[in-house]
Amino acid sequence: MITTSFHLIIYTGLFFLLGMYRPDWALFFMKKPDRMIVLTITAVMIMVSFTLYGEGMKRKNAETPVAASSETPSAPVPVPVPVPAAAVPAPAPSAPK
């Protein structure tokens, strides 16, 4: 996606330069092309290519695995189980001195 966005930026730049020089060359299928139409199409294509680049970077970052830090243990560690309060015997009353 990232390389496609770069290609689209290059094509957009060529379209813009050609359209600003001779609008009837870039928009050969229209009867009376205008430079404003070329400018509008160029702005839309720039937005599309930047969005494509951003999505490509997001997918590229999502595919790279995150390295495990040295602080986390690699083997599972047993977790202590809490004892319910009813099962704990009450302390014996102390004798007065």
PDB file of N, CA and C in Angstrom:
ATOM      1  N   MET A   1       0.813  -1.193   0.000  1.00  0.00           N
ATOM      2  CA  MET A   1       0.000   0.000   0.000  1.00  0.00           C
ATOM      3  C   MET A   1       0.863   1.266   0.000  1.00  0.00           C
ATOM      4  N   ILE A   2       2.010   1.164   0.665  1.00  0.00           N
ATOM      5  CA  ILE A   2       2.865   2.337   0.774  1.00  0.00           C
ATOM      6  C   ILE A   2       3.464   2.685  -0.586  1.00  0.00           C
ATOM      7  N   THR A   3       3.938   1.678  -1.309  1.00  0.00           N
ATOM      8  CA  THR A   3       4.510   1.960  -2.632  1.00  0.00           C
ATOM      9  C   THR A   3       3.434   2.429  -3.603  1.00  0.00           C
ATOM     10  N   THR A   4       2.237   1.917  -3.459  1.00  0.00           N
ATOM     11  CA  THR A   4       1.134   2.368  -4.306  1.00  0.00           C
ATOM     12  C   THR A   4       0.826   3.834  -4.050  1.00  0.00           C
ATOM     13  N   SER A   5       0.910   4.253  -2.800  1.00  0.00           N
ATOM     14  CA  SER A   5       0.646   5.662  -2.498  1.00  0.00           C
ATOM     15  C   SER A   5       1.717   6.562  -3.110  1.00  0.00           C
ATOM     16  N   PHE A   6       2.980   6.113  -3.105  1.00  0.00           N
ATOM     17  CA  PHE A   6       4.032   6.893  -3.749  1.00  0.00           C
ATOM     18  C   PHE A   6       3.808   6.992  -5.258  1.00  0.00           C
ATOM     19  N   HIS A   7       3.393   5.888  -5.871  1.00  0.00           N
ATOM     20  CA  HIS A   7       3.104   5.916  -7.308  1.00  0.00           C
ATOM     21  C   HIS A   7       1.942   6.858  -7.609  1.00  0.00           C
ATOM     22  N   LEU A   8       0.930   6.828  -6.765  1.00  0.00           N
ATOM     23  CA  LEU A   8      -0.220   7.702  -6.965  1.00  0.00           C
ATOM     24  C   LEU A   8       0.151   9.175  -6.809  1.00  0.00           C
ATOM     25  N   ILE A   9       1.049   9.484  -5.890  1.00  0.00           N
ATOM     26  CA  ILE A   9       1.518  10.871  -5.736  1.00  0.00           C
ATOM     27  C   ILE A   9       2.251  11.325  -6.992  1.00  0.00           C
ATOM     28  N   ILE A  10       3.072  10.453  -7.564  1.00  0.00           N
ATOM     29  CA  ILE A  10       3.807  10.809  -8.786  1.00  0.00           C
ATOM     30  C   ILE A  10       2.833  11.050  -9.938  1.00  0.00           C
ATOM     31  N   TYR A  11       1.860  10.155 -10.102  1.00  0.00           N
ATOM     32  CA  TYR A  11       0.868  10.329 -11.172  1.00  0.00           C
ATOM     33  C   TYR A  11       0.026  11.585 -10.958  1.00  0.00           C
ATOM     34  N   THR A  12      -0.281  11.884  -9.701  1.00  0.00           N
ATOM     35  CA  THR A  12      -1.049  13.087  -9.393  1.00  0.00           C
ATOM     36  C   THR A  12      -0.253  14.342  -9.743  1.00  0.00           C
ATOM     37  N   GLY A  13       1.023  14.331  -9.438  1.00  0.00           N
ATOM     38  CA  GLY A  13       1.873  15.474  -9.786  1.00  0.00           C
ATOM     39  C   GLY A  13       1.974  15.668 -11.294  1.00  0.00           C
ATOM     40  N   LEU A  14       2.115  14.575 -12.024  1.00  0.00           N
ATOM     41  CA  LEU A  14       2.162  14.669 -13.492  1.00  0.00           C
ATOM     42  C   LEU A  14       0.832  15.179 -14.053  1.00  0.00           C
ATOM     43  N   PHE A  15      -0.267  14.676 -13.498  1.00  0.00           N
ATOM     44  CA  PHE A  15      -1.589  15.131 -13.938  1.00  0.00           C
ATOM     45  C   PHE A  15      -1.755  16.620 -13.662  1.00  0.00           C
ATOM     46  N   PHE A  16      -1.301  17.073 -12.495  1.00  0.00           N
ATOM     47  CA  PHE A  16      -1.424  18.480 -12.131  1.00  0.00           C
ATOM     48  C   PHE A  16      -0.616  19.371 -13.073  1.00  0.00           C
ATOM     49  N   LEU A  17       0.637  19.000 -13.318  1.00  0.00           N
ATOM     50  CA  LEU A  17       1.476  19.811 -14.199  1.00  0.00           C
ATOM     51  C   LEU A  17       0.926  19.854 -15.614  1.00  0.00           C
ATOM     52  N   LEU A  18       0.538  18.703 -16.137  1.00  0.00           N
ATOM     53  CA  LEU A  18      -0.015  18.650 -17.487  1.00  0.00           C
ATOM     54  C   LEU A  18      -1.354  19.387 -17.556  1.00  0.00           C
ATOM     55  N   GLY A  19      -2.180  19.231 -16.528  1.00  0.00           N
ATOM     56  CA  GLY A  19      -3.486  19.883 -16.524  1.00  0.00           C
ATOM     57  C   GLY A  19      -3.408  21.388 -16.382  1.00  0.00           C
ATOM     58  N   MET A  20      -2.417  21.877 -15.655  1.00  0.00           N
ATOM     59  CA  MET A  20      -2.262  23.319 -15.535  1.00  0.00           C
ATOM     60  C   MET A  20      -1.652  23.936 -16.804  1.00  0.00           C
ATOM     61  N   TYR A  21      -0.869  23.153 -17.509  1.00  0.00           N
ATOM     62  CA  TYR A  21      -0.292  23.652 -18.754  1.00  0.00           C
ATOM     63  C   TYR A  21      -1.339  23.655 -19.871  1.00  0.00           C
ATOM     64  N   ARG A  22      -1.962  22.527 -20.078  1.00  0.00           N
ATOM     65  CA  ARG A  22      -3.021  22.386 -21.089  1.00  0.00           C
ATOM     66  C   ARG A  22      -4.141  21.515 -20.522  1.00  0.00           C
ATOM     67  N   PRO A  23      -5.206  22.103 -20.016  1.00  0.00           N
ATOM     68  CA  PRO A  23      -6.288  21.306 -19.422  1.00  0.00           C
ATOM     69  C   PRO A  23      -6.945  20.350 -20.412  1.00  0.00           C
ATOM     70  N   ASP A  24      -6.961  20.706 -21.693  1.00  0.00           N
ATOM     71  CA  ASP A  24      -7.605  19.825 -22.671  1.00  0.00           C
ATOM     72  C   ASP A  24      -6.759  18.586 -22.953  1.00  0.00           C
ATOM     73  N   TRP A  25      -5.475  18.563 -22.583  1.00  0.00           N
ATOM     74  CA  TRP A  25      -4.669  17.351 -22.723  1.00  0.00           C
ATOM     75  C   TRP A  25      -4.961  16.380 -21.575  1.00  0.00           C
ATOM     76  N   ALA A  26      -5.026  16.889 -20.369  1.00  0.00           N
ATOM     77  CA  ALA A  26      -5.265  16.022 -19.224  1.00  0.00           C
ATOM     78  C   ALA A  26      -6.714  15.535 -19.171  1.00  0.00           C
ATOM     79  N   LEU A  27      -7.642  16.393 -19.550  1.00  0.00           N
ATOM     80  CA  LEU A  27      -9.063  16.037 -19.543  1.00  0.00           C
ATOM     81  C   LEU A  27      -9.571  15.985 -20.982  1.00  0.00           C
ATOM     82  N   PHE A  28      -8.973  15.108 -21.759  1.00  0.00           N
ATOM     83  CA  PHE A  28      -9.282  15.030 -23.189  1.00  0.00           C
ATOM     84  C   PHE A  28     -10.707  14.584 -23.472  1.00  0.00           C
ATOM     85  N   PHE A  29     -11.365  13.952 -22.531  1.00  0.00           N
ATOM     86  CA  PHE A  29     -12.718  13.435 -22.743  1.00  0.00           C
ATOM     87  C   PHE A  29     -13.799  14.484 -22.477  1.00  0.00           C
ATOM     88  N   MET A  30     -13.427  15.675 -22.011  1.00  0.00           N
ATOM     89  CA  MET A  30     -14.402  16.730 -21.747  1.00  0.00           C
ATOM     90  C   MET A  30     -14.423  17.729 -22.903  1.00  0.00           C
ATOM     91  N   LYS A  31     -15.576  18.395 -23.070  1.00  0.00           N
ATOM     92  CA  LYS A  31     -15.697  19.378 -24.157  1.00  0.00           C
ATOM     93  C   LYS A  31     -14.964  20.676 -23.825  1.00  0.00           C
ATOM     94  N   LYS A  32     -15.190  21.248 -22.628  1.00  0.00           N
ATOM     95  CA  LYS A  32     -14.510  22.476 -22.228  1.00  0.00           C
ATOM     96  C   LYS A  32     -13.905  22.278 -20.834  1.00  0.00           C
ATOM     97  N   PRO A  33     -12.727  21.675 -20.761  1.00  0.00           N
ATOM     98  CA  PRO A  33     -12.107  21.491 -19.439  1.00  0.00           C
ATOM     99  C   PRO A  33     -11.585  22.814 -18.894  1.00  0.00           C
ATOM    100  N   ASP A  34     -11.511  22.882 -17.596  1.00  0.00           N
ATOM    101  CA  ASP A  34     -11.088  24.099 -16.912  1.00  0.00           C
ATOM    102  C   ASP A  34      -9.967  23.746 -15.931  1.00  0.00           C
ATOM    103  N   ARG A  35      -9.150  24.716 -15.590  1.00  0.00           N
ATOM    104  CA  ARG A  35      -8.059  24.478 -14.643  1.00  0.00           C
ATOM    105  C   ARG A  35      -8.597  24.225 -13.229  1.00  0.00           C
ATOM    106  N   MET A  36      -9.752  24.732 -12.918  1.00  0.00           N
ATOM    107  CA  MET A  36     -10.352  24.503 -11.600  1.00  0.00           C
ATOM    108  C   MET A  36     -10.703  23.027 -11.419  1.00  0.00           C
ATOM    109  N   ILE A  37     -11.156  22.379 -12.480  1.00  0.00           N
ATOM    110  CA  ILE A  37     -11.461  20.943 -12.411  1.00  0.00           C
ATOM    111  C   ILE A  37     -10.174  20.162 -12.167  1.00  0.00           C
ATOM    112  N   VAL A  38      -9.091  20.552 -12.823  1.00  0.00           N
ATOM    113  CA  VAL A  38      -7.801  19.896 -12.628  1.00  0.00           C
ATOM    114  C   VAL A  38      -7.353  20.063 -11.180  1.00  0.00           C
ATOM    115  N   LEU A  39      -7.506  21.251 -10.655  1.00  0.00           N
ATOM    116  CA  LEU A  39      -7.120  21.514  -9.268  1.00  0.00           C
ATOM    117  C   LEU A  39      -7.946  20.689  -8.287  1.00  0.00           C
ATOM    118  N   THR A  40      -9.246  20.552  -8.535  1.00  0.00           N
ATOM    119  CA  THR A  40     -10.121  19.770  -7.663  1.00  0.00           C
ATOM    120  C   THR A  40      -9.753  18.292  -7.702  1.00  0.00           C
ATOM    121  N   ILE A  41      -9.530  17.758  -8.897  1.00  0.00           N
ATOM    122  CA  ILE A  41      -9.156  16.347  -9.025  1.00  0.00           C
ATOM    123  C   ILE A  41      -7.804  16.102  -8.355  1.00  0.00           C
ATOM    124  N   THR A  42      -6.879  17.039  -8.495  1.00  0.00           N
ATOM    125  CA  THR A  42      -5.570  16.900  -7.862  1.00  0.00           C
ATOM    126  C   THR A  42      -5.693  16.890  -6.342  1.00  0.00           C
ATOM    127  N   ALA A  43      -6.513  17.754  -5.789  1.00  0.00           N
ATOM    128  CA  ALA A  43      -6.687  17.799  -4.333  1.00  0.00           C
ATOM    129  C   ALA A  43      -7.279  16.489  -3.809  1.00  0.00           C
ATOM    130  N   VAL A  44      -8.253  15.951  -4.517  1.00  0.00           N
ATOM    131  CA  VAL A  44      -8.864  14.685  -4.104  1.00  0.00           C
ATOM    132  C   VAL A  44      -7.841  13.554  -4.193  1.00  0.00           C
ATOM    133  N   MET A  45      -7.049  13.515  -5.249  1.00  0.00           N
ATOM    134  CA  MET A  45      -6.069  12.446  -5.403  1.00  0.00           C
ATOM    135  C   MET A  45      -4.946  12.545  -4.365  1.00  0.00           C
ATOM    136  N   ILE A  46      -4.592  13.750  -3.946  1.00  0.00           N
ATOM    137  CA  ILE A  46      -3.597  13.904  -2.877  1.00  0.00           C
ATOM    138  C   ILE A  46      -4.165  13.366  -1.561  1.00  0.00           C
ATOM    139  N   MET A  47      -5.431  13.663  -1.282  1.00  0.00           N
ATOM    140  CA  MET A  47      -6.051  13.143  -0.064  1.00  0.00           C
ATOM    141  C   MET A  47      -6.121  11.625  -0.090  1.00  0.00           C
ATOM    142  N   VAL A  48      -6.442  11.063  -1.248  1.00  0.00           N
ATOM    143  CA  VAL A  48      -6.517   9.605  -1.376  1.00  0.00           C
ATOM    144  C   VAL A  48      -5.143   8.980  -1.148  1.00  0.00           C
ATOM    145  N   SER A  49      -4.109   9.559  -1.728  1.00  0.00           N
ATOM    146  CA  SER A  49      -2.780   8.973  -1.582  1.00  0.00           C
ATOM    147  C   SER A  49      -2.255   9.090  -0.153  1.00  0.00           C
ATOM    148  N   PHE A  50      -2.542  10.202   0.546  1.00  0.00           N
ATOM    149  CA  PHE A  50      -2.123  10.310   1.943  1.00  0.00           C
ATOM    150  C   PHE A  50      -2.872   9.321   2.829  1.00  0.00           C
ATOM    151  N   THR A  51      -4.147   9.116   2.557  1.00  0.00           N
ATOM    152  CA  THR A  51      -4.917   8.131   3.306  1.00  0.00           C
ATOM    153  C   THR A  51      -4.379   6.727   3.047  1.00  0.00           C
ATOM    154  N   LEU A  52      -4.046   6.441   1.806  1.00  0.00           N
ATOM    155  CA  LEU A  52      -3.484   5.142   1.453  1.00  0.00           C
ATOM    156  C   LEU A  52      -2.149   4.927   2.157  1.00  0.00           C
ATOM    157  N   TYR A  53      -1.328   5.957   2.235  1.00  0.00           N
ATOM    158  CA  TYR A  53      -0.043   5.855   2.927  1.00  0.00           C
ATOM    159  C   TYR A  53      -0.263   5.607   4.426  1.00  0.00           C
ATOM    160  N   GLY A  54      -1.191   6.321   5.018  1.00  0.00           N
ATOM    161  CA  GLY A  54      -1.470   6.139   6.446  1.00  0.00           C
ATOM    162  C   GLY A  54      -1.975   4.750   6.770  1.00  0.00           C
ATOM    163  N   GLU A  55      -2.852   4.218   5.942  1.00  0.00           N
ATOM    164  CA  GLU A  55      -3.362   2.863   6.156  1.00  0.00           C
ATOM    165  C   GLU A  55      -2.259   1.829   5.963  1.00  0.00           C
ATOM    166  N   GLY A  56      -1.386   2.080   5.005  1.00  0.00           N
ATOM    167  CA  GLY A  56      -0.267   1.161   4.797  1.00  0.00           C
ATOM    168  C   GLY A  56       0.671   1.143   5.988  1.00  0.00           C
ATOM    169  N   MET A  57       0.939   2.315   6.574  1.00  0.00           N
ATOM    170  CA  MET A  57       1.791   2.370   7.755  1.00  0.00           C
ATOM    171  C   MET A  57       1.125   1.698   8.956  1.00  0.00           C
ATOM    172  N   LYS A  58      -0.200   1.856   9.069  1.00  0.00           N
ATOM    173  CA  LYS A  58      -0.914   1.228  10.172  1.00  0.00           C
ATOM    174  C   LYS A  58      -0.851  -0.294  10.056  1.00  0.00           C
ATOM    175  N   ARG A  59      -1.028  -0.815   8.849  1.00  0.00           N
ATOM    176  CA  ARG A  59      -0.952  -2.269   8.654  1.00  0.00           C
ATOM    177  C   ARG A  59       0.471  -2.780   8.815  1.00  0.00           C
ATOM    178  N   LYS A  60       1.449  -2.008   8.393  1.00  0.00           N
ATOM    179  CA  LYS A  60       2.848  -2.417   8.543  1.00  0.00           C
ATOM    180  C   LYS A  60       3.221  -2.496  10.019  1.00  0.00           C
ATOM    181  N   ASN A  61       2.774  -1.540  10.817  1.00  0.00           N
ATOM    182  CA  ASN A  61       3.061  -1.560  12.253  1.00  0.00           C
ATOM    183  C   ASN A  61       2.308  -2.666  12.968  1.00  0.00           C
ATOM    184  N   ALA A  62       1.144  -3.038  12.487  1.00  0.00           N
ATOM    185  CA  ALA A  62       0.361  -4.101  13.114  1.00  0.00           C
ATOM    186  C   ALA A  62       0.966  -5.466  12.821  1.00  0.00           C
ATOM    187  N   GLU A  63       1.669  -5.622  11.705  1.00  0.00           N
ATOM    188  CA  GLU A  63       2.247  -6.912  11.341  1.00  0.00           C
ATOM    189  C   GLU A  63       3.545  -7.194  12.085  1.00  0.00           C
ATOM    190  N   THR A  64       4.281  -6.184  12.485  1.00  0.00           N
ATOM    191  CA  THR A  64       5.550  -6.419  13.165  1.00  0.00           C
ATOM    192  C   THR A  64       5.284  -6.852  14.595  1.00  0.00           C
ATOM    193  N   PRO A  65       5.849  -8.004  15.004  1.00  0.00           N
ATOM    194  CA  PRO A  65       5.620  -8.467  16.382  1.00  0.00           C
ATOM    195  C   PRO A  65       6.411  -7.633  17.367  1.00  0.00           C
ATOM    196  N   VAL A  66       5.844  -7.461  18.531  1.00  0.00           N
ATOM    197  CA  VAL A  66       6.501  -6.701  19.586  1.00  0.00           C
ATOM    198  C   VAL A  66       7.414  -7.656  20.340  1.00  0.00           C
ATOM    199  N   ALA A  67       8.671  -7.296  20.530  1.00  0.00           N
ATOM    200  CA  ALA A  67       9.623  -8.150  21.231  1.00  0.00           C
ATOM    201  C   ALA A  67       9.257  -8.226  22.712  1.00  0.00           C
ATOM    202  N   ALA A  68       9.386  -9.437  23.268  1.00  0.00           N
ATOM    203  CA  ALA A  68       9.072  -9.620  24.686  1.00  0.00           C
ATOM    204  C   ALA A  68      10.172  -8.994  25.524  1.00  0.00           C
ATOM    205  N   SER A  69       9.771  -8.295  26.550  1.00  0.00           N
ATOM    206  CA  SER A  69      10.768  -7.645  27.409  1.00  0.00           C
ATOM    207  C   SER A  69      11.394  -8.682  28.333  1.00  0.00           C
ATOM    208  N   SER A  70      12.556  -8.379  28.874  1.00  0.00           N
ATOM    209  CA  SER A  70      13.264  -9.313  29.748  1.00  0.00           C
ATOM    210  C   SER A  70      12.610  -9.399  31.133  1.00  0.00           C
ATOM    211  N   GLU A  71      11.733  -8.483  31.458  1.00  0.00           N
ATOM    212  CA  GLU A  71      11.097  -8.483  32.769  1.00  0.00           C
ATOM    213  C   GLU A  71       9.990  -9.535  32.878  1.00  0.00           C
ATOM    214  N   THR A  72       9.363  -9.866  31.790  1.00  0.00           N
ATOM    215  CA  THR A  72       8.272 -10.838  31.844  1.00  0.00           C
ATOM    216  C   THR A  72       8.849 -12.242  31.794  1.00  0.00           C
ATOM    217  N   PRO A  73       8.389 -13.146  32.669  1.00  0.00           N
ATOM    218  CA  PRO A  73       8.908 -14.516  32.653  1.00  0.00           C
ATOM    219  C   PRO A  73       8.371 -15.272  31.441  1.00  0.00           C
ATOM    220  N   SER A  74       9.186 -16.198  30.954  1.00  0.00           N
ATOM    221  CA  SER A  74       8.767 -16.959  29.783  1.00  0.00           C
ATOM    222  C   SER A  74       7.909 -18.154  30.177  1.00  0.00           C
ATOM    223  N   ALA A  75       8.082 -18.676  31.416  1.00  0.00           N
ATOM    224  CA  ALA A  75       7.293 -19.815  31.876  1.00  0.00           C
ATOM    225  C   ALA A  75       6.141 -19.310  32.739  1.00  0.00           C
ATOM    226  N   PRO A  76       5.037 -20.055  32.765  1.00  0.00           N
ATOM    227  CA  PRO A  76       3.922 -19.626  33.623  1.00  0.00           C
ATOM    228  C   PRO A  76       4.304 -19.723  35.100  1.00  0.00           C
ATOM    229  N   VAL A  77       3.846 -18.764  35.863  1.00  0.00           N
ATOM    230  CA  VAL A  77       4.149 -18.689  37.292  1.00  0.00           C
ATOM    231  C   VAL A  77       2.875 -19.000  38.061  1.00  0.00           C
ATOM    232  N   PRO A  78       2.968 -19.881  39.099  1.00  0.00           N
ATOM    233  CA  PRO A  78       1.748 -20.173  39.866  1.00  0.00           C
ATOM    234  C   PRO A  78       1.297 -18.945  40.656  1.00  0.00           C
ATOM    235  N   VAL A  79       0.001 -18.765  40.693  1.00  0.00           N
ATOM    236  CA  VAL A  79      -0.586 -17.624  41.381  1.00  0.00           C
ATOM    237  C   VAL A  79      -1.179 -18.113  42.691  1.00  0.00           C
ATOM    238  N   PRO A  80      -0.881 -17.457  43.829  1.00  0.00           N
ATOM    239  CA  PRO A  80      -1.458 -17.912  45.105  1.00  0.00           C
ATOM    240  C   PRO A  80      -2.968 -17.707  45.131  1.00  0.00           C
ATOM    241  N   VAL A  81      -3.638 -18.689  45.706  1.00  0.00           N
ATOM    242  CA  VAL A  81      -5.095 -18.643  45.794  1.00  0.00           C
ATOM    243  C   VAL A  81      -5.466 -18.069  47.155  1.00  0.00           C
ATOM    244  N   PRO A  82      -6.311 -17.057  47.216  1.00  0.00           N
ATOM    245  CA  PRO A  82      -6.689 -16.500  48.522  1.00  0.00           C
ATOM    246  C   PRO A  82      -7.589 -17.464  49.298  1.00  0.00           C
ATOM    247  N   VAL A  83      -7.395 -17.492  50.606  1.00  0.00           N
ATOM    248  CA  VAL A  83      -8.187 -18.355  51.477  1.00  0.00           C
ATOM    249  C   VAL A  83      -9.411 -17.578  51.931  1.00  0.00           C
ATOM    250  N   PRO A  84     -10.592 -18.186  51.866  1.00  0.00           N
ATOM    251  CA  PRO A  84     -11.796 -17.476  52.327  1.00  0.00           C
ATOM    252  C   PRO A  84     -11.709 -17.178  53.821  1.00  0.00           C
ATOM    253  N   ALA A  85     -12.356 -16.111  54.249  1.00  0.00           N
ATOM    254  CA  ALA A  85     -12.297 -15.652  55.641  1.00  0.00           C
ATOM    255  C   ALA A  85     -12.939 -16.643  56.600  1.00  0.00           C
ATOM    256  N   ALA A  86     -13.940 -17.424  56.189  1.00  0.00           N
ATOM    257  CA  ALA A  86     -14.620 -18.362  57.081  1.00  0.00           C
ATOM    258  C   ALA A  86     -13.732 -19.555  57.388  1.00  0.00           C
ATOM    259  N   ALA A  87     -12.821 -19.910  56.526  1.00  0.00           N
ATOM    260  CA  ALA A  87     -11.970 -21.073  56.738  1.00  0.00           C
ATOM    261  C   ALA A  87     -10.784 -20.759  57.638  1.00  0.00           C
ATOM    262  N   VAL A  88     -10.492 -19.492  57.862  1.00  0.00           N
ATOM    263  CA  VAL A  88      -9.360 -19.122  58.723  1.00  0.00           C
ATOM    264  C   VAL A  88      -9.840 -19.190  60.168  1.00  0.00           C
ATOM    265  N   PRO A  89      -9.110 -19.952  61.024  1.00  0.00           N
ATOM    266  CA  PRO A  89      -9.555 -20.032  62.417  1.00  0.00           C
ATOM    267  C   PRO A  89      -9.329 -18.704  63.146  1.00  0.00           C
ATOM    268  N   ALA A  90     -10.218 -18.417  64.067  1.00  0.00           N
ATOM    269  CA  ALA A  90     -10.116 -17.183  64.846  1.00  0.00           C
ATOM    270  C   ALA A  90      -8.986 -17.324  65.861  1.00  0.00           C
ATOM    271  N   PRO A  91      -8.259 -16.229  66.101  1.00  0.00           N
ATOM    272  CA  PRO A  91      -7.178 -16.318  67.076  1.00  0.00           C
ATOM    273  C   PRO A  91      -7.732 -16.561  68.495  1.00  0.00           C
ATOM    274  N   ALA A  92      -6.977 -17.310  69.254  1.00  0.00           N
ATOM    275  CA  ALA A  92      -7.404 -17.632  70.636  1.00  0.00           C
ATOM    276  C   ALA A  92      -7.263 -16.378  71.503  1.00  0.00           C
ATOM    277  N   PRO A  93      -8.220 -16.193  72.429  1.00  0.00           N
ATOM    278  CA  PRO A  93      -8.094 -15.013  73.291  1.00  0.00           C
ATOM    279  C   PRO A  93      -6.886 -15.164  74.214  1.00  0.00           C
ATOM    280  N   SER A  94      -6.238 -14.069  74.435  1.00  0.00           N
ATOM    281  CA  SER A  94      -5.033 -14.117  75.279  1.00  0.00           C
ATOM    282  C   SER A  94      -5.449 -14.036  76.757  1.00  0.00           C
ATOM    283  N   ALA A  95      -4.664 -14.692  77.589  1.00  0.00           N
ATOM    284  CA  ALA A  95      -4.951 -14.697  79.022  1.00  0.00           C
ATOM    285  C   ALA A  95      -4.403 -13.445  79.674  1.00  0.00           C
ATOM    286  N   PRO A  96      -5.132 -12.842  80.620  1.00  0.00           N
ATOM    287  CA  PRO A  96      -4.632 -11.651  81.283  1.00  0.00           C
ATOM    288  C   PRO A  96      -3.470 -11.983  82.200  1.00  0.00           C
ATOM    289  N   LYS A  97      -2.579 -11.058  82.423  1.00  0.00           N
ATOM    290  CA  LYS A  97      -1.409 -11.286  83.267  1.00  0.00           C
ATOM    291  C   LYS A  97      -1.614 -10.850  84.660  1.00  0.00           C
TER     292      LYS A  97
END
